Amino acid sequence: MHAYARADAPVQAATGCGKPATASVAESPQCAERAAADDERPPDLQSPPPRSRWYGWQTLLADGLSLGLTIGGFGTGSGGLGLLGMSGLLIAAPLVHFGHGNAFGALSLGLRVACAALIVIGIGSAISEEDDEQPSHTDSLITVGLVGLGATSFLDAAVLAFRPRGGIVTPYADAHGGFGLRMAWRL
């Protein structure tokens, strides 16, 4: 693991030597070695990458408003408002991800559709089994779907809701004869 100095910081602070990091004015062999290593470093790795930004509050807000519409709509007998809220639970948070350029919105959408499918299958089974006297597994399907939607909302905000910075793969060679690839995945 390498530590890099900020690009706008003075060179003396980055090298620890008393003078700027050039081989001609180096005070010791260690400073000359550091200066050579600094010169070999690829220009895109001169400064650390910017930190990712969390936007999970936006996905939580979208889910909260959608849940409120769903409960309020069906609670007051307005099926249209309830369906609008349910649609928001499916697509609002993934749209927030896509709006931030985060491809994990597809994962969010897939999880939400899978949970909604479990709920719909459970409700459909409950309606078709009303005449049967045998116990069914419809309640467990509905419960798993609802818990899954809640877990997906939490997953969206806590894990997936970071503005992506992309991934980089950079070849390197250092002054000690080491070489390879530096890989970093930035979320």
C-alpha atoms as a PDB file:
ATOM      1  CA  MET A   1       0.000   0.000   0.000  1.00  0.00           C
ATOM      2  CA  HIS A   2       1.397   3.369  -1.004  1.00  0.00           C
ATOM      3  CA  ALA A   3       0.727   6.716   0.591  1.00  0.00           C
ATOM      4  CA  TYR A   4       0.549   9.642  -1.779  1.00  0.00           C
ATOM      5  CA  ALA A   5       0.936  13.315  -1.031  1.00  0.00           C
ATOM      6  CA  ARG A   6      -1.656  15.793  -2.121  1.00  0.00           C
ATOM      7  CA  ALA A   7      -0.881  17.391  -5.473  1.00  0.00           C
ATOM      8  CA  ASP A   8      -1.098  20.917  -4.051  1.00  0.00           C
ATOM      9  CA  ALA A   9       1.091  20.159  -0.997  1.00  0.00           C
ATOM     10  CA  PRO A  10       4.746  21.271  -0.953  1.00  0.00           C
ATOM     11  CA  VAL A  11       7.170  18.645  -2.170  1.00  0.00           C
ATOM     12  CA  GLN A  12       9.255  18.813   1.015  1.00  0.00           C
ATOM     13  CA  ALA A  13       6.318  17.565   3.081  1.00  0.00           C
ATOM     14  CA  ALA A  14       5.765  14.681   0.690  1.00  0.00           C
ATOM     15  CA  THR A  15       9.392  13.487   0.668  1.00  0.00           C
ATOM     16  CA  GLY A  16      10.397  14.224   4.246  1.00  0.00           C
ATOM     17  CA  CYS A  17      13.682  15.692   2.924  1.00  0.00           C
ATOM     18  CA  GLY A  18      14.757  19.256   3.592  1.00  0.00           C
ATOM     19  CA  LYS A  19      14.792  20.286  -0.054  1.00  0.00           C
ATOM     20  CA  PRO A  20      12.511  19.753  -3.051  1.00  0.00           C
ATOM     21  CA  ALA A  21      12.362  16.217  -4.428  1.00  0.00           C
ATOM     22  CA  THR A  22      14.831  16.223  -7.292  1.00  0.00           C
ATOM     23  CA  ALA A  23      17.817  13.954  -7.645  1.00  0.00           C
ATOM     24  CA  SER A  24      20.224  16.876  -8.083  1.00  0.00           C
ATOM     25  CA  VAL A  25      19.503  18.486  -4.704  1.00  0.00           C
ATOM     26  CA  ALA A  26      18.791  15.403  -2.623  1.00  0.00           C
ATOM     27  CA  GLU A  27      20.524  15.431   0.774  1.00  0.00           C
ATOM     28  CA  SER A  28      20.859  11.670   1.215  1.00  0.00           C
ATOM     29  CA  PRO A  29      20.558   8.426  -0.773  1.00  0.00           C
ATOM     30  CA  GLN A  30      17.112   7.890   0.765  1.00  0.00           C
ATOM     31  CA  CYS A  31      15.946  11.263  -0.545  1.00  0.00           C
ATOM     32  CA  ALA A  32      17.356  10.485  -3.980  1.00  0.00           C
ATOM     33  CA  GLU A  33      15.534   7.139  -3.964  1.00  0.00           C
ATOM     34  CA  ARG A  34      12.278   8.821  -2.952  1.00  0.00           C
ATOM     35  CA  ALA A  35      12.719  11.458  -5.627  1.00  0.00           C
ATOM     36  CA  ALA A  36      13.243   8.752  -8.263  1.00  0.00           C
ATOM     37  CA  ALA A  37      10.163   6.876  -7.045  1.00  0.00           C
ATOM     38  CA  ASP A  38       8.122  10.100  -7.192  1.00  0.00           C
ATOM     39  CA  ASP A  39       9.219  10.689 -10.766  1.00  0.00           C
ATOM     40  CA  GLU A  40       8.166   7.137 -11.743  1.00  0.00           C
ATOM     41  CA  ARG A  41       4.682   7.398 -10.282  1.00  0.00           C
ATOM     42  CA  PRO A  42       1.987   7.624 -12.972  1.00  0.00           C
ATOM     43  CA  PRO A  43       0.480  11.112 -13.198  1.00  0.00           C
ATOM     44  CA  ASP A  44      -3.072   9.879 -12.493  1.00  0.00           C
ATOM     45  CA  LEU A  45      -1.974   8.604  -9.077  1.00  0.00           C
ATOM     46  CA  GLN A  46      -0.322  11.839  -7.871  1.00  0.00           C
ATOM     47  CA  SER A  47      -3.196  12.686  -5.556  1.00  0.00           C
ATOM     48  CA  PRO A  48      -5.639  10.419  -3.774  1.00  0.00           C
ATOM     49  CA  PRO A  49      -9.000   9.974  -5.463  1.00  0.00           C
ATOM     50  CA  PRO A  50     -11.902  12.047  -4.192  1.00  0.00           C
ATOM     51  CA  ARG A  51     -14.131  10.410  -1.624  1.00  0.00           C
ATOM     52  CA  SER A  52     -17.455   9.045  -2.737  1.00  0.00           C
ATOM     53  CA  ARG A  53     -20.597  10.829  -1.636  1.00  0.00           C
ATOM     54  CA  TRP A  54     -23.508   9.178   0.149  1.00  0.00           C
ATOM     55  CA  TYR A  55     -26.980   9.946  -1.157  1.00  0.00           C
ATOM     56  CA  GLY A  56     -28.887   7.305   0.810  1.00  0.00           C
ATOM     57  CA  TRP A  57     -31.145   9.920   2.362  1.00  0.00           C
ATOM     58  CA  GLN A  58     -32.661  10.410  -1.092  1.00  0.00           C
ATOM     59  CA  THR A  59     -33.513   6.701  -1.484  1.00  0.00           C
ATOM     60  CA  LEU A  60     -34.924   6.621   2.056  1.00  0.00           C
ATOM     61  CA  LEU A  61     -37.015   9.701   1.316  1.00  0.00           C
ATOM     62  CA  ALA A  62     -38.326   8.162  -1.917  1.00  0.00           C
ATOM     63  CA  ASP A  63     -39.203   4.907  -0.129  1.00  0.00           C
ATOM     64  CA  GLY A  64     -40.805   6.730   2.794  1.00  0.00           C
ATOM     65  CA  LEU A  65     -42.990   8.889   0.558  1.00  0.00           C
ATOM     66  CA  SER A  66     -43.982   5.871  -1.526  1.00  0.00           C
ATOM     67  CA  LEU A  67     -44.854   3.850   1.575  1.00  0.00           C
ATOM     68  CA  GLY A  68     -46.883   6.777   2.914  1.00  0.00           C
ATOM     69  CA  LEU A  69     -48.802   7.014  -0.366  1.00  0.00           C
ATOM     70  CA  THR A  70     -49.436   3.264  -0.329  1.00  0.00           C
ATOM     71  CA  ILE A  71     -50.726   3.173   3.242  1.00  0.00           C
ATOM     72  CA  GLY A  72     -52.669   6.417   2.898  1.00  0.00           C
ATOM     73  CA  GLY A  73     -54.176   5.422  -0.428  1.00  0.00           C
ATOM     74  CA  PHE A  74     -55.371   1.986   0.570  1.00  0.00           C
ATOM     75  CA  GLY A  75     -56.293   3.178   4.073  1.00  0.00           C
ATOM     76  CA  THR A  76     -58.667   5.805   2.713  1.00  0.00           C
ATOM     77  CA  GLY A  77     -60.071   3.539   0.027  1.00  0.00           C
ATOM     78  CA  SER A  78     -58.305   5.308  -2.833  1.00  0.00           C
ATOM     79  CA  GLY A  79     -56.901   2.398  -4.816  1.00  0.00           C
ATOM     80  CA  GLY A  80     -55.315   4.688  -7.413  1.00  0.00           C
ATOM     81  CA  LEU A  81     -53.254   6.509  -4.806  1.00  0.00           C
ATOM     82  CA  GLY A  82     -52.274   3.183  -3.232  1.00  0.00           C
ATOM     83  CA  LEU A  83     -51.148   1.807  -6.599  1.00  0.00           C
ATOM     84  CA  LEU A  84     -49.148   4.986  -7.223  1.00  0.00           C
ATOM     85  CA  GLY A  85     -47.377   4.448  -3.901  1.00  0.00           C
ATOM     86  CA  MET A  86     -46.714   0.801  -4.713  1.00  0.00           C
ATOM     87  CA  SER A  87     -45.250   1.811  -8.074  1.00  0.00           C
ATOM     88  CA  GLY A  88     -43.034   4.280  -6.239  1.00  0.00           C
ATOM     89  CA  LEU A  89     -41.799   1.513  -3.946  1.00  0.00           C
ATOM     90  CA  LEU A  90     -40.717  -0.404  -7.030  1.00  0.00           C
ATOM     91  CA  ILE A  91     -39.090   2.285  -9.138  1.00  0.00           C
ATOM     92  CA  ALA A  92     -38.408   5.484  -7.146  1.00  0.00           C
ATOM     93  CA  ALA A  93     -35.186   4.422  -5.392  1.00  0.00           C
ATOM     94  CA  PRO A  94     -33.736   2.726  -8.502  1.00  0.00           C
ATOM     95  CA  LEU A  95     -34.421   5.953 -10.417  1.00  0.00           C
ATOM     96  CA  VAL A  96     -32.500   7.864  -7.742  1.00  0.00           C
ATOM     97  CA  HIS A  97     -29.558   5.471  -8.271  1.00  0.00           C
ATOM     98  CA  PHE A  98     -29.716   5.890 -12.036  1.00  0.00           C
ATOM     99  CA  GLY A  99     -29.931   9.666 -11.595  1.00  0.00           C
ATOM    100  CA  HIS A 100     -26.605   9.558  -9.747  1.00  0.00           C
ATOM    101  CA  GLY A 101     -25.040   7.408 -12.468  1.00  0.00           C
ATOM    102  CA  ASN A 102     -24.967   4.339 -10.241  1.00  0.00           C
ATOM    103  CA  ALA A 103     -25.491   1.071 -12.117  1.00  0.00           C
ATOM    104  CA  PHE A 104     -26.465  -0.610  -8.845  1.00  0.00           C
ATOM    105  CA  GLY A 105     -29.911   0.805  -9.540  1.00  0.00           C
ATOM    106  CA  ALA A 106     -30.448  -2.306 -11.670  1.00  0.00           C
ATOM    107  CA  LEU A 107     -29.742  -4.513  -8.633  1.00  0.00           C
ATOM    108  CA  SER A 108     -32.135  -2.441  -6.552  1.00  0.00           C
ATOM    109  CA  LEU A 109     -34.835  -2.722  -9.213  1.00  0.00           C
ATOM    110  CA  GLY A 110     -34.341  -6.478  -9.547  1.00  0.00           C
ATOM    111  CA  LEU A 111     -34.604  -7.049  -5.797  1.00  0.00           C
ATOM    112  CA  ARG A 112     -37.718  -4.902  -5.564  1.00  0.00           C
ATOM    113  CA  VAL A 113     -39.414  -6.663  -8.489  1.00  0.00           C
ATOM    114  CA  ALA A 114     -38.590 -10.072  -6.955  1.00  0.00           C
ATOM    115  CA  CYS A 115     -40.081  -9.028  -3.605  1.00  0.00           C
ATOM    116  CA  ALA A 116     -43.178  -7.620  -5.304  1.00  0.00           C
ATOM    117  CA  ALA A 117     -43.555 -10.866  -7.259  1.00  0.00           C
ATOM    118  CA  LEU A 118     -43.531 -12.847  -3.999  1.00  0.00           C
ATOM    119  CA  ILE A 119     -46.238 -10.590  -2.591  1.00  0.00           C
ATOM    120  CA  VAL A 120     -48.395 -10.874  -5.720  1.00  0.00           C
ATOM    121  CA  ILE A 121     -48.009 -14.669  -5.824  1.00  0.00           C
ATOM    122  CA  GLY A 122     -48.922 -14.862  -2.133  1.00  0.00           C
ATOM    123  CA  ILE A 123     -52.005 -12.687  -2.589  1.00  0.00           C
ATOM    124  CA  GLY A 124     -53.041 -14.638  -5.691  1.00  0.00           C
ATOM    125  CA  SER A 125     -52.674 -17.922  -3.837  1.00  0.00           C
ATOM    126  CA  ALA A 126     -54.676 -16.583  -0.900  1.00  0.00           C
ATOM    127  CA  ILE A 127     -57.525 -15.584  -3.198  1.00  0.00           C
ATOM    128  CA  SER A 128     -57.585 -18.934  -5.007  1.00  0.00           C
ATOM    129  CA  GLU A 129     -57.359 -20.947  -1.765  1.00  0.00           C
ATOM    130  CA  GLU A 130     -60.207 -19.250   0.074  1.00  0.00           C
ATOM    131  CA  ASP A 131     -62.420 -22.269  -0.538  1.00  0.00           C
ATOM    132  CA  ASP A 132     -59.826 -24.807   0.627  1.00  0.00           C
ATOM    133  CA  GLU A 133     -59.735 -25.898   4.238  1.00  0.00           C
ATOM    134  CA  GLN A 134     -56.026 -26.833   4.106  1.00  0.00           C
ATOM    135  CA  PRO A 135     -53.356 -24.532   5.546  1.00  0.00           C
ATOM    136  CA  SER A 136     -51.357 -22.645   2.933  1.00  0.00           C
ATOM    137  CA  HIS A 137     -48.002 -20.957   2.630  1.00  0.00           C
ATOM    138  CA  THR A 138     -49.423 -17.738   1.233  1.00  0.00           C
ATOM    139  CA  ASP A 139     -48.898 -15.776   4.439  1.00  0.00           C
ATOM    140  CA  SER A 140     -45.224 -16.707   4.470  1.00  0.00           C
ATOM    141  CA  LEU A 141     -44.800 -15.604   0.827  1.00  0.00           C
ATOM    142  CA  ILE A 142     -46.381 -12.244   1.584  1.00  0.00           C
ATOM    143  CA  THR A 143     -44.291 -11.856   4.738  1.00  0.00           C
ATOM    144  CA  VAL A 144     -41.039 -12.717   2.932  1.00  0.00           C
ATOM    145  CA  GLY A 145     -41.907 -10.221   0.187  1.00  0.00           C
ATOM    146  CA  LEU A 146     -42.666  -7.425   2.653  1.00  0.00           C
ATOM    147  CA  VAL A 147     -39.553  -8.095   4.748  1.00  0.00           C
ATOM    148  CA  GLY A 148     -37.544  -8.265   1.516  1.00  0.00           C
ATOM    149  CA  LEU A 149     -38.819  -4.837   0.466  1.00  0.00           C
ATOM    150  CA  GLY A 150     -37.778  -3.401   3.823  1.00  0.00           C
ATOM    151  CA  ALA A 151     -34.359  -5.058   3.598  1.00  0.00           C
ATOM    152  CA  THR A 152     -33.934  -3.761   0.052  1.00  0.00           C
ATOM    153  CA  SER A 153     -34.733  -0.234   1.210  1.00  0.00           C
ATOM    154  CA  PHE A 154     -32.091  -0.550   3.934  1.00  0.00           C
ATOM    155  CA  LEU A 155     -29.583  -2.086   1.472  1.00  0.00           C
ATOM    156  CA  ASP A 156     -30.186   0.761  -0.979  1.00  0.00           C
ATOM    157  CA  ALA A 157     -29.458   3.427   1.603  1.00  0.00           C
ATOM    158  CA  ALA A 158     -26.643   1.756   3.532  1.00  0.00           C
ATOM    159  CA  VAL A 159     -24.662  -0.043   0.835  1.00  0.00           C
ATOM    160  CA  LEU A 160     -25.653   0.951  -2.697  1.00  0.00           C
ATOM    161  CA  ALA A 161     -26.271   4.694  -2.342  1.00  0.00           C
ATOM    162  CA  PHE A 162     -22.782   6.037  -2.963  1.00  0.00           C
ATOM    163  CA  ARG A 163     -21.957   8.189  -5.965  1.00  0.00           C
ATOM    164  CA  PRO A 164     -19.720   5.967  -8.086  1.00  0.00           C
ATOM    165  CA  ARG A 165     -16.187   7.004  -8.932  1.00  0.00           C
ATOM    166  CA  GLY A 166     -15.481   4.098 -11.288  1.00  0.00           C
ATOM    167  CA  GLY A 167     -12.721   1.565 -11.210  1.00  0.00           C
ATOM    168  CA  ILE A 168      -9.147   1.944 -12.289  1.00  0.00           C
ATOM    169  CA  VAL A 169      -6.439  -0.488 -13.304  1.00  0.00           C
ATOM    170  CA  THR A 170      -3.027   1.109 -13.603  1.00  0.00           C
ATOM    171  CA  PRO A 171       0.263  -0.621 -14.407  1.00  0.00           C
ATOM    172  CA  TYR A 172       3.206   0.383 -12.239  1.00  0.00           C
ATOM    173  CA  ALA A 173       6.921  -0.219 -11.768  1.00  0.00           C
ATOM    174  CA  ASP A 174       8.796   1.057  -8.747  1.00  0.00           C
ATOM    175  CA  ALA A 175      12.445   1.852  -8.006  1.00  0.00           C
ATOM    176  CA  HIS A 176      12.947  -1.483  -6.239  1.00  0.00           C
ATOM    177  CA  GLY A 177      12.205  -3.603  -9.306  1.00  0.00           C
ATOM    178  CA  GLY A 178       8.583  -4.273  -8.393  1.00  0.00           C
ATOM    179  CA  PHE A 179       5.909  -4.134 -11.040  1.00  0.00           C
ATOM    180  CA  GLY A 180       2.303  -5.117 -11.462  1.00  0.00           C
ATOM    181  CA  LEU A 181      -1.163  -3.688 -11.654  1.00  0.00           C
ATOM    182  CA  ARG A 182      -2.818  -1.394  -9.173  1.00  0.00           C
ATOM    183  CA  MET A 183      -6.522  -2.036  -9.077  1.00  0.00           C
ATOM    184  CA  ALA A 184      -9.114  -0.060  -7.229  1.00  0.00           C
ATOM    185  CA  TRP A 185     -12.872  -0.229  -7.336  1.00  0.00           C
ATOM    186  CA  ARG A 186     -14.408   2.993  -6.246  1.00  0.00           C
ATOM    187  CA  LEU A 187     -18.036   3.185  -5.261  1.00  0.00           C
END
